[in-house]
Amino acid sequence: MSDQDQDESLNNQNDGFDASLQGAPPFAALLGIYEGISADGVGTARMPIREYHLQDRGYVQGGLIVTLADYSYYLAVKSLLSPGQITVTVELKVNFLAGAREGELTATAKVVSGGRRIFVVEGDVSDDKGVIVARGLSTYLVSETRQ
């Protein structure tokens, strides 16, 4: 399959693209991830499960679950940053606890430790029945933007 054929196939699968994703980070818009809460050290993000999220056995591909979790962790940390600060993931660990095939996944994260330069965040990814699909822990480094 050529690159053009693959692009067309992805575009056809993404015909239900939600215009509310415009303005979202490009990776989030591409994957269909919606930003939720980003306040007081808490972050949430959700992803309706689409056919193109599934691996060959019919479950959501693990890397997408990690991406959803990481985005919620980022939103939790972002809510505590001062103007001019940025943050990046420097460590991430996720345990997969259950598979997901349909419905919607929601990632919920909370900052458990924060300092001047390092934040530690924990969180869960759950399906729409409340089953925890994955649990993780991440470390973020904070720095000042360069002028």
N, C-alpha and C. Protein backbone atom coordinates (compact mmCIF):
# COMPACT_ATOMS: atom_id res chain seq x y z
N MET A 1 0.84 -1.17 0.00
CA MET A 1 0.00 0.00 0.00
C MET A 1 0.89 1.24 0.00
N SER A 2 0.63 2.17 -0.89
CA SER A 2 1.44 3.38 -0.98
C SER A 2 1.12 4.32 0.18
N ASP A 3 2.00 5.30 0.42
CA ASP A 3 1.76 6.29 1.47
C ASP A 3 0.45 7.04 1.21
N GLN A 4 0.18 7.35 -0.06
CA GLN A 4 -1.05 8.07 -0.41
C GLN A 4 -2.27 7.22 -0.08
N ASP A 5 -2.21 5.92 -0.39
CA ASP A 5 -3.32 5.02 -0.09
C ASP A 5 -3.55 4.92 1.42
N GLN A 6 -2.44 4.87 2.18
CA GLN A 6 -2.56 4.81 3.63
C GLN A 6 -3.17 6.09 4.18
N ASP A 7 -2.74 7.25 3.65
CA ASP A 7 -3.31 8.52 4.09
C ASP A 7 -4.81 8.58 3.80
N GLU A 8 -5.21 8.14 2.60
CA GLU A 8 -6.62 8.15 2.23
C GLU A 8 -7.42 7.21 3.13
N SER A 9 -6.84 6.03 3.44
CA SER A 9 -7.50 5.08 4.31
C SER A 9 -7.73 5.68 5.70
N LEU A 10 -6.71 6.33 6.25
CA LEU A 10 -6.84 6.97 7.55
C LEU A 10 -7.87 8.08 7.49
N ASN A 11 -7.83 8.89 6.44
CA ASN A 11 -8.81 9.97 6.31
C ASN A 11 -10.23 9.42 6.24
N ASN A 12 -10.43 8.33 5.53
CA ASN A 12 -11.77 7.73 5.43
C ASN A 12 -12.23 7.20 6.78
N GLN A 13 -11.31 6.63 7.58
CA GLN A 13 -11.67 6.13 8.90
C GLN A 13 -11.95 7.28 9.85
N ASN A 14 -11.41 8.45 9.57
CA ASN A 14 -11.54 9.60 10.44
C ASN A 14 -12.59 10.56 9.92
N ASP A 15 -13.55 10.07 9.10
CA ASP A 15 -14.59 10.93 8.56
C ASP A 15 -15.41 11.58 9.66
N GLY A 16 -15.49 10.96 10.83
CA GLY A 16 -16.24 11.52 11.94
C GLY A 16 -15.43 12.54 12.73
N PHE A 17 -14.38 13.10 12.12
CA PHE A 17 -13.52 14.06 12.80
C PHE A 17 -14.36 15.17 13.40
N ASP A 18 -14.14 15.44 14.65
CA ASP A 18 -14.90 16.44 15.37
C ASP A 18 -14.23 17.80 15.24
N ALA A 19 -14.96 18.77 14.75
CA ALA A 19 -14.41 20.12 14.55
C ALA A 19 -13.95 20.73 15.87
N SER A 20 -14.45 20.24 17.01
CA SER A 20 -14.03 20.79 18.30
C SER A 20 -12.57 20.46 18.60
N LEU A 21 -11.97 19.56 17.83
CA LEU A 21 -10.56 19.25 18.01
C LEU A 21 -9.66 20.29 17.34
N GLN A 22 -10.22 21.17 16.53
CA GLN A 22 -9.40 22.22 15.93
C GLN A 22 -8.85 23.07 17.06
N GLY A 23 -7.58 23.40 16.98
CA GLY A 23 -6.92 24.14 18.03
C GLY A 23 -6.26 23.25 19.07
N ALA A 24 -6.57 21.95 19.04
CA ALA A 24 -5.92 21.00 19.95
C ALA A 24 -4.50 20.76 19.45
N PRO A 25 -3.60 20.30 20.32
CA PRO A 25 -2.27 19.93 19.82
C PRO A 25 -2.42 18.96 18.65
N PRO A 26 -1.57 19.06 17.63
CA PRO A 26 -1.73 18.22 16.44
C PRO A 26 -1.84 16.73 16.73
N PHE A 27 -1.02 16.20 17.65
CA PHE A 27 -1.09 14.77 17.93
C PHE A 27 -2.45 14.40 18.52
N ALA A 28 -3.00 15.26 19.38
CA ALA A 28 -4.29 14.98 20.01
C ALA A 28 -5.40 15.00 18.97
N ALA A 29 -5.37 15.98 18.08
CA ALA A 29 -6.38 16.05 17.02
C ALA A 29 -6.29 14.82 16.12
N LEU A 30 -5.09 14.42 15.76
CA LEU A 30 -4.89 13.25 14.88
C LEU A 30 -5.45 11.98 15.51
N LEU A 31 -5.24 11.83 16.81
CA LEU A 31 -5.66 10.61 17.50
C LEU A 31 -7.07 10.67 18.06
N GLY A 32 -7.71 11.84 17.99
CA GLY A 32 -9.06 11.97 18.52
C GLY A 32 -9.10 12.05 20.03
N ILE A 33 -8.10 12.72 20.62
CA ILE A 33 -8.02 12.88 22.08
C ILE A 33 -8.52 14.27 22.44
N TYR A 34 -9.45 14.32 23.39
CA TYR A 34 -10.06 15.57 23.83
C TYR A 34 -9.50 15.99 25.19
N GLU A 35 -9.13 17.25 25.31
CA GLU A 35 -8.67 17.80 26.58
C GLU A 35 -9.86 17.98 27.50
N GLY A 36 -9.65 17.62 28.75
CA GLY A 36 -10.69 17.82 29.77
C GLY A 36 -10.24 18.88 30.75
N ILE A 37 -10.12 18.49 32.01
CA ILE A 37 -9.73 19.40 33.09
C ILE A 37 -8.23 19.63 33.08
N SER A 38 -7.84 20.86 33.41
CA SER A 38 -6.44 21.20 33.67
C SER A 38 -6.46 22.28 34.74
N ALA A 39 -6.58 21.86 36.01
CA ALA A 39 -6.72 22.82 37.11
C ALA A 39 -6.29 22.20 38.43
N ASP A 40 -5.63 23.00 39.25
CA ASP A 40 -5.29 22.60 40.62
C ASP A 40 -4.55 21.28 40.71
N GLY A 41 -3.66 21.01 39.77
CA GLY A 41 -2.87 19.79 39.81
C GLY A 41 -3.59 18.54 39.33
N VAL A 42 -4.73 18.73 38.69
CA VAL A 42 -5.50 17.61 38.14
C VAL A 42 -5.63 17.80 36.64
N GLY A 43 -5.52 16.70 35.89
CA GLY A 43 -5.69 16.75 34.44
C GLY A 43 -6.50 15.57 33.97
N THR A 44 -7.36 15.82 32.98
CA THR A 44 -8.12 14.72 32.38
C THR A 44 -8.11 14.86 30.86
N ALA A 45 -8.22 13.73 30.20
CA ALA A 45 -8.33 13.69 28.75
C ALA A 45 -9.15 12.45 28.41
N ARG A 46 -9.85 12.51 27.28
CA ARG A 46 -10.68 11.36 26.89
C ARG A 46 -10.48 11.05 25.42
N MET A 47 -10.73 9.80 25.08
CA MET A 47 -10.57 9.35 23.70
C MET A 47 -11.67 8.34 23.36
N PRO A 48 -12.65 8.76 22.55
CA PRO A 48 -13.61 7.77 22.05
C PRO A 48 -12.85 6.75 21.21
N ILE A 49 -13.11 5.48 21.44
CA ILE A 49 -12.39 4.42 20.73
C ILE A 49 -12.93 4.32 19.30
N ARG A 50 -12.01 4.41 18.35
CA ARG A 50 -12.33 4.30 16.92
C ARG A 50 -11.66 3.04 16.37
N GLU A 51 -12.11 2.61 15.23
CA GLU A 51 -11.56 1.41 14.60
C GLU A 51 -10.05 1.53 14.39
N TYR A 52 -9.58 2.71 14.03
CA TYR A 52 -8.15 2.88 13.75
C TYR A 52 -7.30 2.91 15.02
N HIS A 53 -7.92 2.86 16.20
CA HIS A 53 -7.18 2.75 17.46
C HIS A 53 -6.86 1.29 17.81
N LEU A 54 -7.48 0.35 17.11
CA LEU A 54 -7.39 -1.05 17.49
C LEU A 54 -6.22 -1.76 16.82
N GLN A 55 -5.58 -2.66 17.57
CA GLN A 55 -4.55 -3.52 16.98
C GLN A 55 -5.24 -4.73 16.37
N ASP A 56 -4.45 -5.65 15.84
CA ASP A 56 -5.03 -6.76 15.07
C ASP A 56 -5.90 -7.72 15.88
N ARG A 57 -5.81 -7.70 17.19
CA ARG A 57 -6.64 -8.57 18.04
C ARG A 57 -7.93 -7.87 18.49
N GLY A 58 -8.12 -6.60 18.05
CA GLY A 58 -9.35 -5.89 18.37
C GLY A 58 -9.32 -5.06 19.63
N TYR A 59 -8.16 -4.91 20.26
CA TYR A 59 -8.02 -4.09 21.46
C TYR A 59 -7.31 -2.78 21.11
N VAL A 60 -7.56 -1.74 21.92
CA VAL A 60 -6.86 -0.47 21.73
C VAL A 60 -5.37 -0.73 21.88
N GLN A 61 -4.60 -0.23 20.93
CA GLN A 61 -3.14 -0.39 20.92
C GLN A 61 -2.56 0.28 22.17
N GLY A 62 -1.64 -0.40 22.83
CA GLY A 62 -1.09 0.07 24.10
C GLY A 62 -0.45 1.45 24.04
N GLY A 63 0.23 1.74 22.93
CA GLY A 63 0.87 3.05 22.81
C GLY A 63 -0.12 4.20 22.85
N LEU A 64 -1.33 3.98 22.37
CA LEU A 64 -2.37 5.01 22.42
C LEU A 64 -2.84 5.23 23.85
N ILE A 65 -2.92 4.15 24.61
CA ILE A 65 -3.31 4.27 26.02
C ILE A 65 -2.25 5.06 26.78
N VAL A 66 -0.98 4.78 26.50
CA VAL A 66 0.11 5.52 27.13
C VAL A 66 0.06 6.99 26.73
N THR A 67 -0.20 7.26 25.45
CA THR A 67 -0.30 8.65 24.98
C THR A 67 -1.42 9.39 25.69
N LEU A 68 -2.58 8.75 25.82
CA LEU A 68 -3.71 9.37 26.52
C LEU A 68 -3.34 9.66 27.97
N ALA A 69 -2.71 8.70 28.63
CA ALA A 69 -2.28 8.89 30.02
C ALA A 69 -1.29 10.05 30.12
N ASP A 70 -0.29 10.05 29.26
CA ASP A 70 0.74 11.09 29.29
C ASP A 70 0.13 12.48 29.08
N TYR A 71 -0.84 12.58 28.20
CA TYR A 71 -1.47 13.88 27.96
C TYR A 71 -2.20 14.36 29.21
N SER A 72 -2.88 13.46 29.93
CA SER A 72 -3.55 13.87 31.16
C SER A 72 -2.53 14.27 32.23
N TYR A 73 -1.39 13.58 32.27
CA TYR A 73 -0.34 13.94 33.23
C TYR A 73 0.17 15.35 32.92
N TYR A 74 0.41 15.61 31.63
CA TYR A 74 0.86 16.94 31.21
C TYR A 74 -0.15 18.01 31.63
N LEU A 75 -1.44 17.75 31.41
CA LEU A 75 -2.46 18.74 31.76
C LEU A 75 -2.47 19.01 33.27
N ALA A 76 -2.22 17.98 34.07
CA ALA A 76 -2.15 18.18 35.53
C ALA A 76 -0.99 19.09 35.90
N VAL A 77 0.19 18.83 35.32
CA VAL A 77 1.37 19.65 35.62
C VAL A 77 1.19 21.06 35.07
N LYS A 78 0.70 21.18 33.85
CA LYS A 78 0.51 22.49 33.20
C LYS A 78 -0.31 23.43 34.08
N SER A 79 -1.29 22.86 34.79
CA SER A 79 -2.17 23.69 35.62
C SER A 79 -1.43 24.36 36.78
N LEU A 80 -0.24 23.89 37.10
CA LEU A 80 0.53 24.44 38.22
C LEU A 80 1.73 25.29 37.78
N LEU A 81 1.94 25.42 36.47
CA LEU A 81 3.08 26.17 35.98
C LEU A 81 2.84 27.68 36.08
N SER A 82 3.93 28.40 36.26
CA SER A 82 3.89 29.86 36.24
C SER A 82 4.05 30.33 34.80
N PRO A 83 3.64 31.57 34.52
CA PRO A 83 3.85 32.10 33.17
C PRO A 83 5.33 32.01 32.78
N GLY A 84 5.58 31.57 31.56
CA GLY A 84 6.94 31.44 31.06
C GLY A 84 7.59 30.09 31.32
N GLN A 85 6.90 29.21 32.05
CA GLN A 85 7.45 27.89 32.31
C GLN A 85 6.88 26.89 31.30
N ILE A 86 7.71 25.89 30.98
CA ILE A 86 7.29 24.77 30.13
C ILE A 86 7.67 23.48 30.84
N THR A 87 7.12 22.38 30.38
CA THR A 87 7.42 21.10 31.02
C THR A 87 7.51 19.99 29.97
N VAL A 88 8.31 18.99 30.27
CA VAL A 88 8.46 17.82 29.41
C VAL A 88 8.50 16.56 30.27
N THR A 89 8.03 15.47 29.69
CA THR A 89 8.11 14.17 30.35
C THR A 89 9.56 13.69 30.34
N VAL A 90 10.06 13.27 31.50
CA VAL A 90 11.41 12.70 31.54
C VAL A 90 11.40 11.22 31.95
N GLU A 91 10.26 10.75 32.47
CA GLU A 91 10.14 9.34 32.84
C GLU A 91 8.66 9.00 32.86
N LEU A 92 8.35 7.78 32.43
CA LEU A 92 6.96 7.36 32.35
C LEU A 92 6.88 5.85 32.50
N LYS A 93 6.01 5.40 33.40
CA LYS A 93 5.79 3.96 33.60
C LYS A 93 4.29 3.73 33.61
N VAL A 94 3.85 2.77 32.82
CA VAL A 94 2.43 2.44 32.75
C VAL A 94 2.27 0.93 32.86
N ASN A 95 1.38 0.50 33.73
CA ASN A 95 1.00 -0.91 33.83
C ASN A 95 -0.36 -1.08 33.18
N PHE A 96 -0.47 -2.04 32.28
CA PHE A 96 -1.74 -2.34 31.64
C PHE A 96 -2.48 -3.37 32.50
N LEU A 97 -3.73 -3.08 32.82
CA LEU A 97 -4.50 -3.92 33.73
C LEU A 97 -5.67 -4.64 33.05
N ALA A 98 -6.17 -4.09 31.96
CA ALA A 98 -7.29 -4.68 31.23
C ALA A 98 -7.27 -4.18 29.80
N GLY A 99 -7.92 -4.90 28.94
CA GLY A 99 -8.03 -4.47 27.55
C GLY A 99 -9.27 -3.61 27.35
N ALA A 100 -9.26 -2.84 26.27
CA ALA A 100 -10.43 -2.03 25.90
C ALA A 100 -10.69 -2.21 24.42
N ARG A 101 -11.96 -2.38 24.05
CA ARG A 101 -12.33 -2.62 22.66
C ARG A 101 -13.28 -1.57 22.10
N GLU A 102 -14.11 -0.97 22.94
CA GLU A 102 -15.14 -0.05 22.45
C GLU A 102 -15.49 0.95 23.53
N GLY A 103 -16.26 1.96 23.14
CA GLY A 103 -16.68 2.97 24.08
C GLY A 103 -15.71 4.14 24.11
N GLU A 104 -15.36 4.56 25.31
CA GLU A 104 -14.48 5.72 25.48
C GLU A 104 -13.52 5.46 26.63
N LEU A 105 -12.30 5.92 26.46
CA LEU A 105 -11.30 5.86 27.53
C LEU A 105 -11.13 7.25 28.11
N THR A 106 -10.99 7.32 29.43
CA THR A 106 -10.74 8.59 30.11
C THR A 106 -9.51 8.43 31.00
N ALA A 107 -8.58 9.37 30.84
CA ALA A 107 -7.38 9.40 31.68
C ALA A 107 -7.54 10.50 32.71
N THR A 108 -7.25 10.17 33.96
CA THR A 108 -7.34 11.12 35.06
C THR A 108 -6.01 11.12 35.80
N ALA A 109 -5.43 12.30 35.96
CA ALA A 109 -4.10 12.40 36.57
C ALA A 109 -4.11 13.42 37.71
N LYS A 110 -3.19 13.20 38.66
CA LYS A 110 -3.05 14.11 39.80
C LYS A 110 -1.57 14.26 40.12
N VAL A 111 -1.15 15.51 40.31
CA VAL A 111 0.22 15.76 40.76
C VAL A 111 0.32 15.32 42.21
N VAL A 112 1.29 14.44 42.51
CA VAL A 112 1.46 13.94 43.88
C VAL A 112 2.65 14.59 44.57
N SER A 113 3.54 15.19 43.78
CA SER A 113 4.69 15.89 44.34
C SER A 113 5.15 16.93 43.34
N GLY A 114 5.35 18.14 43.82
CA GLY A 114 5.81 19.19 42.92
C GLY A 114 6.82 20.09 43.60
N GLY A 115 7.86 20.41 42.87
CA GLY A 115 8.88 21.32 43.37
C GLY A 115 9.12 22.42 42.35
N ARG A 116 10.30 23.02 42.42
CA ARG A 116 10.63 24.07 41.45
C ARG A 116 10.88 23.50 40.07
N ARG A 117 11.50 22.31 40.00
CA ARG A 117 11.90 21.76 38.70
C ARG A 117 11.33 20.39 38.37
N ILE A 118 10.89 19.65 39.37
CA ILE A 118 10.43 18.28 39.16
C ILE A 118 9.01 18.10 39.70
N PHE A 119 8.16 17.48 38.89
CA PHE A 119 6.81 17.12 39.31
C PHE A 119 6.64 15.62 39.10
N VAL A 120 5.97 14.97 40.05
CA VAL A 120 5.62 13.56 39.91
C VAL A 120 4.10 13.48 39.84
N VAL A 121 3.62 12.72 38.86
CA VAL A 121 2.19 12.63 38.58
C VAL A 121 1.79 11.15 38.54
N GLU A 122 0.61 10.84 39.06
CA GLU A 122 0.07 9.49 38.94
C GLU A 122 -1.31 9.57 38.31
N GLY A 123 -1.72 8.48 37.70
CA GLY A 123 -3.05 8.51 37.10
C GLY A 123 -3.50 7.17 36.58
N ASP A 124 -4.79 7.15 36.23
CA ASP A 124 -5.43 5.95 35.69
C ASP A 124 -6.07 6.27 34.35
N VAL A 125 -6.16 5.23 33.52
CA VAL A 125 -6.98 5.28 32.32
C VAL A 125 -8.09 4.26 32.54
N SER A 126 -9.33 4.72 32.43
CA SER A 126 -10.49 3.86 32.67
C SER A 126 -11.40 3.84 31.46
N ASP A 127 -12.15 2.74 31.31
CA ASP A 127 -13.13 2.70 30.24
C ASP A 127 -14.43 3.32 30.73
N ASP A 128 -15.44 3.38 29.87
CA ASP A 128 -16.68 4.05 30.24
C ASP A 128 -17.55 3.23 31.20
N LYS A 129 -17.08 2.05 31.57
CA LYS A 129 -17.77 1.24 32.59
C LYS A 129 -17.06 1.37 33.95
N GLY A 130 -15.99 2.18 33.99
CA GLY A 130 -15.25 2.38 35.22
C GLY A 130 -14.12 1.39 35.45
N VAL A 131 -13.89 0.49 34.50
CA VAL A 131 -12.80 -0.48 34.62
C VAL A 131 -11.47 0.23 34.37
N ILE A 132 -10.53 0.05 35.30
CA ILE A 132 -9.19 0.65 35.13
C ILE A 132 -8.43 -0.19 34.11
N VAL A 133 -8.09 0.43 33.01
CA VAL A 133 -7.38 -0.22 31.90
C VAL A 133 -5.87 -0.13 32.12
N ALA A 134 -5.41 1.00 32.69
CA ALA A 134 -3.98 1.21 32.91
C ALA A 134 -3.78 2.16 34.08
N ARG A 135 -2.66 1.98 34.76
CA ARG A 135 -2.27 2.87 35.86
C ARG A 135 -0.82 3.25 35.64
N GLY A 136 -0.51 4.53 35.87
CA GLY A 136 0.84 4.98 35.60
C GLY A 136 1.37 6.00 36.57
N LEU A 137 2.66 6.26 36.42
CA LEU A 137 3.40 7.23 37.21
C LEU A 137 4.40 7.90 36.28
N SER A 138 4.53 9.21 36.41
CA SER A 138 5.40 9.94 35.49
C SER A 138 6.13 11.07 36.20
N THR A 139 7.28 11.42 35.67
CA THR A 139 8.07 12.53 36.18
C THR A 139 8.21 13.57 35.07
N TYR A 140 8.02 14.83 35.45
CA TYR A 140 8.12 15.95 34.51
C TYR A 140 9.18 16.92 34.98
N LEU A 141 9.92 17.45 34.03
CA LEU A 141 10.93 18.47 34.28
C LEU A 141 10.37 19.81 33.86
N VAL A 142 10.51 20.82 34.71
CA VAL A 142 10.02 22.16 34.41
C VAL A 142 11.21 23.06 34.11
N SER A 143 11.08 23.87 33.10
CA SER A 143 12.13 24.85 32.78
C SER A 143 11.47 26.15 32.29
N GLU A 144 12.27 27.17 32.16
CA GLU A 144 11.80 28.46 31.65
C GLU A 144 11.90 28.46 30.14
N THR A 145 10.98 29.14 29.48
CA THR A 145 11.06 29.27 28.03
C THR A 145 12.26 30.12 27.68
N ARG A 146 12.87 29.81 26.56
CA ARG A 146 14.02 30.60 26.10
C ARG A 146 13.54 31.75 25.24
N GLN A 147 14.04 32.90 25.50
CA GLN A 147 13.64 34.09 24.73
C GLN A 147 14.46 34.23 23.47
